[in-house]
Protein backbone atom coordinates (compact mmCIF):
# COMPACT_ATOMS: atom_id res chain seq x y z
CA ARG A 1 -12.46 11.15 -12.34
CA ASP A 2 -15.32 8.88 -11.45
CA GLU A 3 -17.90 9.82 -8.87
CA VAL A 4 -20.57 7.84 -7.05
CA THR A 5 -23.52 10.01 -6.04
CA THR A 6 -26.38 8.85 -3.83
CA PRO A 7 -29.24 11.34 -3.28
CA ARG A 8 -31.27 11.52 -0.12
CA GLY A 9 -33.86 13.71 1.53
CA GLY A 10 -33.27 17.39 2.27
CA GLY A 11 -31.07 17.95 -0.74
CA ARG A 12 -28.09 16.20 0.85
CA VAL A 13 -25.72 14.29 -1.35
CA LEU A 14 -22.85 11.96 -0.50
CA LYS A 15 -20.15 11.84 -3.16
CA VAL A 16 -17.24 9.45 -3.04
CA VAL A 17 -14.71 11.19 -5.28
CA GLY A 18 -11.85 9.43 -7.01
CA MET A 19 -13.33 5.96 -6.47
CA ARG A 20 -14.40 3.77 -9.35
CA ALA A 21 -17.57 1.84 -8.66
CA ARG A 22 -20.66 0.52 -10.36
CA ILE A 23 -24.08 0.80 -8.72
CA GLU A 24 -26.62 -1.84 -9.68
CA HIS A 25 -29.77 0.26 -9.92
CA ASP A 26 -32.14 -2.69 -9.58
CA THR A 27 -30.68 -3.92 -6.31
CA GLY A 28 -28.78 -0.94 -4.97
CA ASP A 29 -25.61 -3.06 -4.75
CA ILE A 30 -22.26 -1.34 -5.25
CA ASN A 31 -19.39 -3.16 -6.95
CA TRP A 32 -16.07 -1.52 -6.15
CA VAL A 33 -13.43 -1.57 -8.86
CA GLU A 34 -10.66 0.55 -7.36
CA THR A 35 -10.40 2.62 -4.17
CA LYS A 36 -8.69 6.00 -3.92
CA ASP A 37 -9.18 9.14 -1.85
CA VAL A 38 -12.53 9.85 -0.24
CA GLU A 39 -14.23 13.21 0.12
CA LEU A 40 -17.60 14.01 1.63
CA HIS A 41 -19.92 16.50 -0.06
CA ARG A 42 -23.11 17.81 1.45
CA GLY A 43 -25.50 20.01 -0.49
CA GLY A 44 -28.19 22.28 0.90
CA GLY A 45 -31.75 22.55 -0.27
CA GLY A 46 -30.98 25.66 -2.31
CA GLY A 47 -28.53 23.89 -4.60
CA GLY A 48 -24.77 23.77 -4.61
CA ALA A 49 -22.61 21.53 -2.48
CA SER A 50 -20.06 22.27 0.21
CA LEU A 51 -17.00 20.07 0.67
CA VAL A 52 -16.65 18.49 4.09
CA PRO A 53 -13.30 16.65 4.47
CA LEU A 54 -13.76 13.12 5.73
CA ALA A 55 -11.22 13.79 8.49
CA ALA A 56 -13.54 16.45 9.94
CA ALA A 57 -16.18 13.88 10.84
CA ALA A 58 -15.70 10.97 13.22
CA THR A 59 -17.58 8.74 10.80
CA VAL A 60 -19.59 9.27 7.67
CA ALA A 61 -22.69 8.45 9.67
CA ASP A 62 -22.00 11.43 11.99
CA ALA A 63 -22.05 13.79 9.03
CA ILE A 64 -25.03 12.42 7.11
CA SER A 65 -27.79 10.06 8.18
CA THR A 66 -29.61 7.95 5.62
CA THR A 67 -31.90 5.00 5.29
CA ASP A 68 -31.04 4.34 1.67
CA ALA A 69 -29.36 0.93 1.30
CA ALA A 70 -26.95 2.03 -1.42
CA ALA A 71 -25.85 5.11 0.55
CA ASN A 72 -25.26 2.96 3.61
CA ALA A 73 -22.96 0.75 1.56
CA VAL A 74 -21.01 3.79 0.36
CA ALA A 75 -20.74 5.13 3.91
CA ALA A 76 -19.52 1.80 5.27
CA SER A 77 -16.72 1.65 2.71
CA ALA A 78 -15.78 5.31 3.07
CA SER A 79 -15.59 5.14 6.86
CA GLN A 80 -12.69 2.66 6.59
CA MET A 81 -10.45 5.28 4.97
CA SER A 82 -8.63 8.41 6.05
CA LEU A 83 -7.55 11.02 3.54
CA GLY A 84 -5.48 9.27 0.89
CA HIS A 85 -4.20 6.52 3.20
CA GLU A 86 -4.66 2.82 2.56
CA VAL A 87 -5.81 0.43 5.26
CA SER A 88 -4.91 -3.19 5.82
CA SER A 89 -8.26 -4.49 4.60
CA LEU A 90 -7.42 -3.25 1.10
CA HIS A 91 -4.43 -5.59 0.96
CA GLY A 92 -6.05 -8.80 2.15
CA THR A 93 -6.22 -10.78 5.35
CA SER A 94 -3.36 -11.68 7.68
CA ASP A 95 -3.26 -15.18 6.15
CA GLN A 96 -2.82 -13.65 2.70
CA HIS A 97 -0.01 -11.49 4.08
CA GLN A 98 1.79 -14.63 5.24
CA ALA A 99 1.93 -15.80 1.61
CA LEU A 100 3.75 -12.63 0.47
CA LEU A 101 7.54 -12.40 0.39
CA ALA A 102 9.42 -9.84 2.45
CA CYS A 103 10.97 -7.01 0.48
CA PRO A 104 14.78 -7.37 0.73
CA ALA A 105 15.17 -3.63 1.31
CA CYS A 106 12.53 -2.87 3.95
CA GLY A 107 11.28 -6.26 5.20
CA PHE A 108 7.57 -5.64 4.65
CA ARG A 109 5.62 -8.46 2.98
CA THR A 110 4.78 -6.87 -0.36
CA LEU A 111 6.13 -9.24 -3.05
CA ALA A 112 3.51 -11.59 -4.45
CA ASP A 113 5.65 -14.14 -6.33
CA GLU A 114 6.68 -17.53 -4.93
CA ALA A 115 10.42 -16.83 -5.26
CA TYR A 116 12.69 -13.80 -5.39
CA GLY A 117 13.77 -12.33 -8.71
CA SER A 118 10.28 -11.44 -9.96
CA PHE A 119 11.07 -7.74 -10.56
CA ASP A 120 7.96 -6.96 -8.55
CA ILE A 121 8.11 -3.49 -6.97
CA CYS A 122 7.69 -3.03 -3.22
CA LYS A 123 4.61 -0.98 -2.30
CA VAL A 124 6.36 0.46 0.76
CA CYS A 125 9.90 1.42 -0.34
CA SER A 126 9.75 0.98 -4.17
CA TRP A 127 12.61 -1.56 -4.27
CA GLU A 128 12.45 -3.67 -7.46
CA ASP A 129 12.97 -7.37 -6.75
CA ASP A 130 16.24 -8.11 -8.59
CA GLN A 131 17.89 -11.44 -7.72
CA ILE A 132 21.30 -10.22 -8.96
CA GLN A 133 21.24 -7.33 -6.50
CA LEU A 134 19.92 -9.66 -3.82
CA SER A 135 23.14 -11.69 -4.04
CA ASN A 136 25.48 -8.78 -4.88
CA HIS A 137 24.53 -6.42 -2.08
CA ALA A 138 26.80 -3.54 -3.09
CA ALA A 139 25.78 -3.54 -6.75
CA GLY A 140 23.79 -0.57 -8.00
CA GLY A 141 22.66 0.30 -11.49
CA CYS A 142 20.77 -2.93 -12.10
CA ALA A 143 16.99 -2.96 -11.71
CA ASN A 144 17.57 -0.43 -8.91
CA SER A 145 19.96 2.50 -9.22
CA GLU A 146 20.95 2.12 -5.57
CA SER A 147 22.49 -1.00 -4.05
CA LEU A 148 20.67 -3.20 -1.56
CA ILE A 149 22.96 -1.82 1.16
CA GLU A 150 21.89 1.74 0.33
CA ALA A 151 18.23 0.76 -0.07
CA GLN A 152 18.16 -0.88 3.35
CA ARG A 153 19.69 2.19 4.99
CA ASN A 154 17.13 4.45 3.34
CA ALA A 155 14.21 2.15 4.16
CA LEU A 156 15.23 1.84 7.81
CA ALA A 157 15.54 5.61 8.09
CA MET A 158 11.90 5.86 7.01
CA HIS A 159 10.62 2.72 8.76
CA PRO A 160 12.76 1.63 11.75
CA LEU A 161 12.82 -2.03 12.75
CA SER A 162 10.39 -1.22 15.56
CA GLU A 163 7.63 -0.65 12.98
CA ALA A 164 5.59 -3.82 12.51
CA SER A 165 3.52 -2.47 9.60
CA ALA A 166 3.52 0.32 7.04
CA LYS A 167 1.00 1.38 4.41
CA GLY A 168 -1.17 -1.60 5.33
CA TYR A 169 1.60 -4.20 4.93
CA GLU A 170 3.09 -6.35 7.70
CA ARG A 171 6.82 -6.63 8.28
CA ASP A 172 8.16 -10.18 8.25
CA PRO A 173 9.49 -10.81 11.79
CA ALA A 174 12.17 -13.12 10.34
CA TRP A 175 13.57 -10.39 8.08
CA ARG A 176 16.76 -8.59 9.07
CA PRO A 177 19.01 -6.05 7.37
CA LEU A 178 22.53 -6.95 6.31
CA ASN A 179 25.01 -7.01 9.18
CA ALA A 180 28.40 -5.29 9.24
CA SER A 181 30.39 -8.33 8.11
CA GLU A 182 28.02 -8.99 5.19
CA ILE A 183 28.26 -5.36 4.11
CA ALA A 184 32.07 -5.41 4.31
CA ALA A 185 32.28 -8.61 2.26
CA ALA A 186 29.88 -7.25 -0.36
CA GLU A 187 31.80 -3.99 -0.69
CA ALA A 188 35.09 -5.92 -1.03
CA ASP A 189 33.60 -8.01 -3.84
CA HIS A 190 32.20 -4.93 -5.53
CA SER A 191 35.60 -3.24 -5.50
CA THR A 192 36.67 -5.72 -8.19
CA ARG A 193 33.94 -4.20 -10.41
CA THR A 194 32.52 -7.64 -11.12
CA LEU A 195 29.36 -9.45 -10.06
CA SER A 196 30.86 -12.36 -8.14
CA HIS A 197 27.67 -14.25 -7.36
CA ALA A 198 24.83 -15.68 -9.38
CA GLY A 199 21.30 -14.46 -8.79
CA LEU A 200 19.75 -15.41 -5.47
CA VAL A 201 16.16 -16.51 -4.87
CA ASP A 202 16.54 -17.89 -1.32
CA PRO A 203 17.92 -15.19 1.01
CA ALA A 204 19.12 -15.81 4.56
CA TRP A 205 15.86 -14.84 6.27
CA GLU A 206 13.78 -17.35 4.29
């Protein structure tokens, strides 16, 4: 795994582990390629380094002080993260969120295409965007092994409607799960063992 190491006085070293980055040695600029988990290492003057979990320090600056420009850039990026969890800034601004489509299963804006049926996979609940299943709510075994009815139940068990965001993604306030009459109609259609409806790209909440 890639490491970014920035030395400083007193034998202390800050390592950002599991993050891919390129440091421009002439300018000290850091170009991030991909962000993953962050760990903080601090070495003593006698050699060797001890691992200090990022969660143990209020900020990176509390654990290690530095005047080096490159190290400051690393610390600023690392301080935005908790262990293994993504933050909203990694997924774009609120305006960019508005351009994303709500996942049919969980309602969070995670699908990047302009219309449904892209087979994009939700970053929150892992639903694959299948327009056949979007119009045949009780159908499983298509892009997703579970039906949309089952996927919504599972997603709402993990992320109730009261949750406005999850994993750095906003929930579309216009989204709603299927109601009882829609579920009953879908299950009645499915009992015929046929797909009664063509694929759907414009669901009710759009």
